[in-house]
Amino acid sequence: MSSIDACLDGFALINRRILERSQQERERRIDERTVAVIVPDLGTTFRLRLTVEGLTEPTHHPTGAAPGPVQVTVTVGSDDLVAIAEDRLSAKLALVTRRVKINASLGDMLRMRSLTQ
């Protein structure tokens, strides 16, 4: 089981990959969304904003605390989150094998998919 700090470091790696894309590409592919990432093995939910400026406003709180509405919810184990962030696990494979679950609109799913390509 990874730690909260390891997960935050993972989000930093993912953010770096997002920011490696051109501003124009990010503007085309990203609609601002509030994202909750539930990590059951840590009993923690991370809340972030996905914007053209990357992942912003990262916070975490115990799962079940109600921080407000979100547009996208991702559920993933801490080790899998870190492995995806470090490119040791494909996000697509994790989704297909149900190691990652995403609750989002179809449009949001397609936009998130385009970020992983």
C-alpha atoms as a PDB file:
ATOM      1  CA  MET A   1       0.000   0.000   0.000  1.00  0.00           C
ATOM      2  CA  SER A   2       1.355   3.401  -1.013  1.00  0.00           C
ATOM      3  CA  SER A   3       1.081   6.488   1.191  1.00  0.00           C
ATOM      4  CA  ILE A   4      -0.860   9.708   0.764  1.00  0.00           C
ATOM      5  CA  ASP A   5       2.432  11.465  -0.009  1.00  0.00           C
ATOM      6  CA  ALA A   6       3.237   8.883  -2.714  1.00  0.00           C
ATOM      7  CA  CYS A   7      -0.184   9.506  -4.273  1.00  0.00           C
ATOM      8  CA  LEU A   8       0.393  13.282  -4.201  1.00  0.00           C
ATOM      9  CA  ASP A   9       3.765  12.699  -5.892  1.00  0.00           C
ATOM     10  CA  GLY A  10       1.904  10.598  -8.479  1.00  0.00           C
ATOM     11  CA  PHE A  11      -0.484  13.456  -9.181  1.00  0.00           C
ATOM     12  CA  ALA A  12       2.550  15.723  -9.648  1.00  0.00           C
ATOM     13  CA  LEU A  13       3.923  13.303 -12.280  1.00  0.00           C
ATOM     14  CA  ILE A  14       0.577  13.177 -14.075  1.00  0.00           C
ATOM     15  CA  ASN A  15       0.408  16.965 -13.946  1.00  0.00           C
ATOM     16  CA  ARG A  16       3.869  17.204 -15.493  1.00  0.00           C
ATOM     17  CA  ARG A  17       2.702  15.021 -18.414  1.00  0.00           C
ATOM     18  CA  ILE A  18      -0.373  17.201 -18.923  1.00  0.00           C
ATOM     19  CA  LEU A  19       1.754  20.352 -18.966  1.00  0.00           C
ATOM     20  CA  GLU A  20       4.154  18.827 -21.527  1.00  0.00           C
ATOM     21  CA  ARG A  21       1.366  19.209 -24.092  1.00  0.00           C
ATOM     22  CA  SER A  22       1.073  22.519 -25.886  1.00  0.00           C
ATOM     23  CA  GLN A  23      -1.255  25.181 -24.493  1.00  0.00           C
ATOM     24  CA  GLN A  24      -3.303  24.943 -27.690  1.00  0.00           C
ATOM     25  CA  GLU A  25      -3.725  21.170 -27.359  1.00  0.00           C
ATOM     26  CA  ARG A  26      -4.695  21.449 -23.686  1.00  0.00           C
ATOM     27  CA  GLU A  27      -7.276  24.120 -24.530  1.00  0.00           C
ATOM     28  CA  ARG A  28      -8.745  21.819 -27.186  1.00  0.00           C
ATOM     29  CA  ARG A  29      -8.853  18.690 -25.017  1.00  0.00           C
ATOM     30  CA  ILE A  30      -9.546  19.917 -21.478  1.00  0.00           C
ATOM     31  CA  ASP A  31     -12.774  21.302 -20.077  1.00  0.00           C
ATOM     32  CA  GLU A  32     -12.404  22.402 -16.467  1.00  0.00           C
ATOM     33  CA  ARG A  33     -13.642  19.704 -14.151  1.00  0.00           C
ATOM     34  CA  THR A  34     -13.590  18.952 -10.461  1.00  0.00           C
ATOM     35  CA  VAL A  35     -12.269  15.430  -9.986  1.00  0.00           C
ATOM     36  CA  ALA A  36     -12.494  13.165  -6.942  1.00  0.00           C
ATOM     37  CA  VAL A  37     -10.031  10.289  -6.754  1.00  0.00           C
ATOM     38  CA  ILE A  38     -11.167   7.759  -4.167  1.00  0.00           C
ATOM     39  CA  VAL A  39      -8.363   5.578  -2.800  1.00  0.00           C
ATOM     40  CA  PRO A  40     -10.154   2.899  -0.733  1.00  0.00           C
ATOM     41  CA  ASP A  41      -7.049   1.261   0.773  1.00  0.00           C
ATOM     42  CA  LEU A  42      -6.022   4.617   2.283  1.00  0.00           C
ATOM     43  CA  GLY A  43      -9.575   5.610   3.244  1.00  0.00           C
ATOM     44  CA  THR A  44      -8.847   8.879   1.455  1.00  0.00           C
ATOM     45  CA  THR A  45     -10.398  10.917  -1.307  1.00  0.00           C
ATOM     46  CA  PHE A  46      -8.294  13.389  -3.256  1.00  0.00           C
ATOM     47  CA  ARG A  47     -10.026  16.351  -4.821  1.00  0.00           C
ATOM     48  CA  LEU A  48      -8.412  18.208  -7.737  1.00  0.00           C
ATOM     49  CA  ARG A  49      -9.332  20.639 -10.478  1.00  0.00           C
ATOM     50  CA  LEU A  50      -8.419  19.606 -14.013  1.00  0.00           C
ATOM     51  CA  THR A  51      -7.767  22.799 -15.975  1.00  0.00           C
ATOM     52  CA  VAL A  52      -5.729  23.876 -18.986  1.00  0.00           C
ATOM     53  CA  GLU A  53      -3.108  24.820 -16.381  1.00  0.00           C
ATOM     54  CA  GLY A  54      -2.982  21.169 -15.240  1.00  0.00           C
ATOM     55  CA  LEU A  55      -4.123  19.562 -12.009  1.00  0.00           C
ATOM     56  CA  THR A  56      -4.711  22.317  -9.483  1.00  0.00           C
ATOM     57  CA  GLU A  57      -5.974  22.729  -5.934  1.00  0.00           C
ATOM     58  CA  PRO A  58      -5.089  19.215  -4.707  1.00  0.00           C
ATOM     59  CA  THR A  59      -6.617  18.401  -1.331  1.00  0.00           C
ATOM     60  CA  HIS A  60      -7.397  15.177   0.478  1.00  0.00           C
ATOM     61  CA  HIS A  61      -9.841  14.157   3.165  1.00  0.00           C
ATOM     62  CA  PRO A  62     -11.242  10.963   4.656  1.00  0.00           C
ATOM     63  CA  THR A  63     -13.525   9.140   2.236  1.00  0.00           C
ATOM     64  CA  GLY A  64     -17.141   9.875   3.055  1.00  0.00           C
ATOM     65  CA  ALA A  65     -16.576  13.482   4.067  1.00  0.00           C
ATOM     66  CA  ALA A  66     -18.655  15.646   1.734  1.00  0.00           C
ATOM     67  CA  PRO A  67     -16.429  18.329   0.179  1.00  0.00           C
ATOM     68  CA  GLY A  68     -18.928  19.289  -2.534  1.00  0.00           C
ATOM     69  CA  PRO A  69     -20.003  18.154  -5.996  1.00  0.00           C
ATOM     70  CA  VAL A  70     -17.602  16.761  -8.583  1.00  0.00           C
ATOM     71  CA  GLN A  71     -18.004  16.042 -12.294  1.00  0.00           C
ATOM     72  CA  VAL A  72     -15.647  13.043 -12.440  1.00  0.00           C
ATOM     73  CA  THR A  73     -15.029  10.336  -9.849  1.00  0.00           C
ATOM     74  CA  VAL A  74     -12.119   7.904 -10.147  1.00  0.00           C
ATOM     75  CA  THR A  75     -11.699   4.948  -7.797  1.00  0.00           C
ATOM     76  CA  VAL A  76      -8.254   3.344  -7.700  1.00  0.00           C
ATOM     77  CA  GLY A  77      -5.970   1.596  -5.237  1.00  0.00           C
ATOM     78  CA  SER A  78      -2.959   3.563  -4.041  1.00  0.00           C
ATOM     79  CA  ASP A  79      -0.393   1.197  -5.575  1.00  0.00           C
ATOM     80  CA  ASP A  80      -2.190   1.303  -8.937  1.00  0.00           C
ATOM     81  CA  LEU A  81      -2.428   5.102  -8.838  1.00  0.00           C
ATOM     82  CA  VAL A  82       1.315   5.384  -8.270  1.00  0.00           C
ATOM     83  CA  ALA A  83       2.059   2.718 -10.916  1.00  0.00           C
ATOM     84  CA  ILE A  84      -0.054   4.586 -13.497  1.00  0.00           C
ATOM     85  CA  ALA A  85       1.650   7.878 -12.614  1.00  0.00           C
ATOM     86  CA  GLU A  86       5.090   6.286 -12.977  1.00  0.00           C
ATOM     87  CA  ASP A  87       4.119   4.600 -16.292  1.00  0.00           C
ATOM     88  CA  ARG A  88       4.543   1.132 -14.806  1.00  0.00           C
ATOM     89  CA  LEU A  89       0.844   0.404 -15.449  1.00  0.00           C
ATOM     90  CA  SER A  90      -1.169   1.458 -18.483  1.00  0.00           C
ATOM     91  CA  ALA A  91      -4.223   3.528 -17.555  1.00  0.00           C
ATOM     92  CA  LYS A  92      -6.133   1.807 -20.360  1.00  0.00           C
ATOM     93  CA  LEU A  93      -5.216  -1.663 -19.081  1.00  0.00           C
ATOM     94  CA  ALA A  94      -6.123  -0.663 -15.531  1.00  0.00           C
ATOM     95  CA  LEU A  95      -9.533   0.525 -16.730  1.00  0.00           C
ATOM     96  CA  VAL A  96     -10.220  -2.596 -18.793  1.00  0.00           C
ATOM     97  CA  THR A  97      -9.203  -4.897 -15.931  1.00  0.00           C
ATOM     98  CA  ARG A  98     -11.338  -2.873 -13.476  1.00  0.00           C
ATOM     99  CA  ARG A  99      -8.400  -1.809 -11.348  1.00  0.00           C
ATOM    100  CA  VAL A 100      -9.597   1.730 -12.050  1.00  0.00           C
ATOM    101  CA  LYS A 101     -13.250   2.733 -12.108  1.00  0.00           C
ATOM    102  CA  ILE A 102     -14.422   6.034 -13.563  1.00  0.00           C
ATOM    103  CA  ASN A 103     -17.802   7.651 -13.088  1.00  0.00           C
ATOM    104  CA  ALA A 104     -18.164  10.486 -15.613  1.00  0.00           C
ATOM    105  CA  SER A 105     -20.256  11.626 -18.542  1.00  0.00           C
ATOM    106  CA  LEU A 106     -19.475  10.137 -21.947  1.00  0.00           C
ATOM    107  CA  GLY A 107     -18.009  13.467 -23.092  1.00  0.00           C
ATOM    108  CA  ASP A 108     -15.732  13.615 -20.059  1.00  0.00           C
ATOM    109  CA  MET A 109     -14.658  10.011 -20.624  1.00  0.00           C
ATOM    110  CA  LEU A 110     -13.704  10.770 -24.221  1.00  0.00           C
ATOM    111  CA  ARG A 111     -11.767  13.885 -23.224  1.00  0.00           C
ATOM    112  CA  MET A 112      -9.926  11.998 -20.466  1.00  0.00           C
ATOM    113  CA  ARG A 113      -9.122   9.252 -22.970  1.00  0.00           C
ATOM    114  CA  SER A 114      -7.601  11.805 -25.325  1.00  0.00           C
ATOM    115  CA  LEU A 115      -5.256  12.947 -22.544  1.00  0.00           C
ATOM    116  CA  THR A 116      -3.789   9.441 -22.217  1.00  0.00           C
ATOM    117  CA  GLN A 117      -2.904   9.130 -25.896  1.00  0.00           C
END
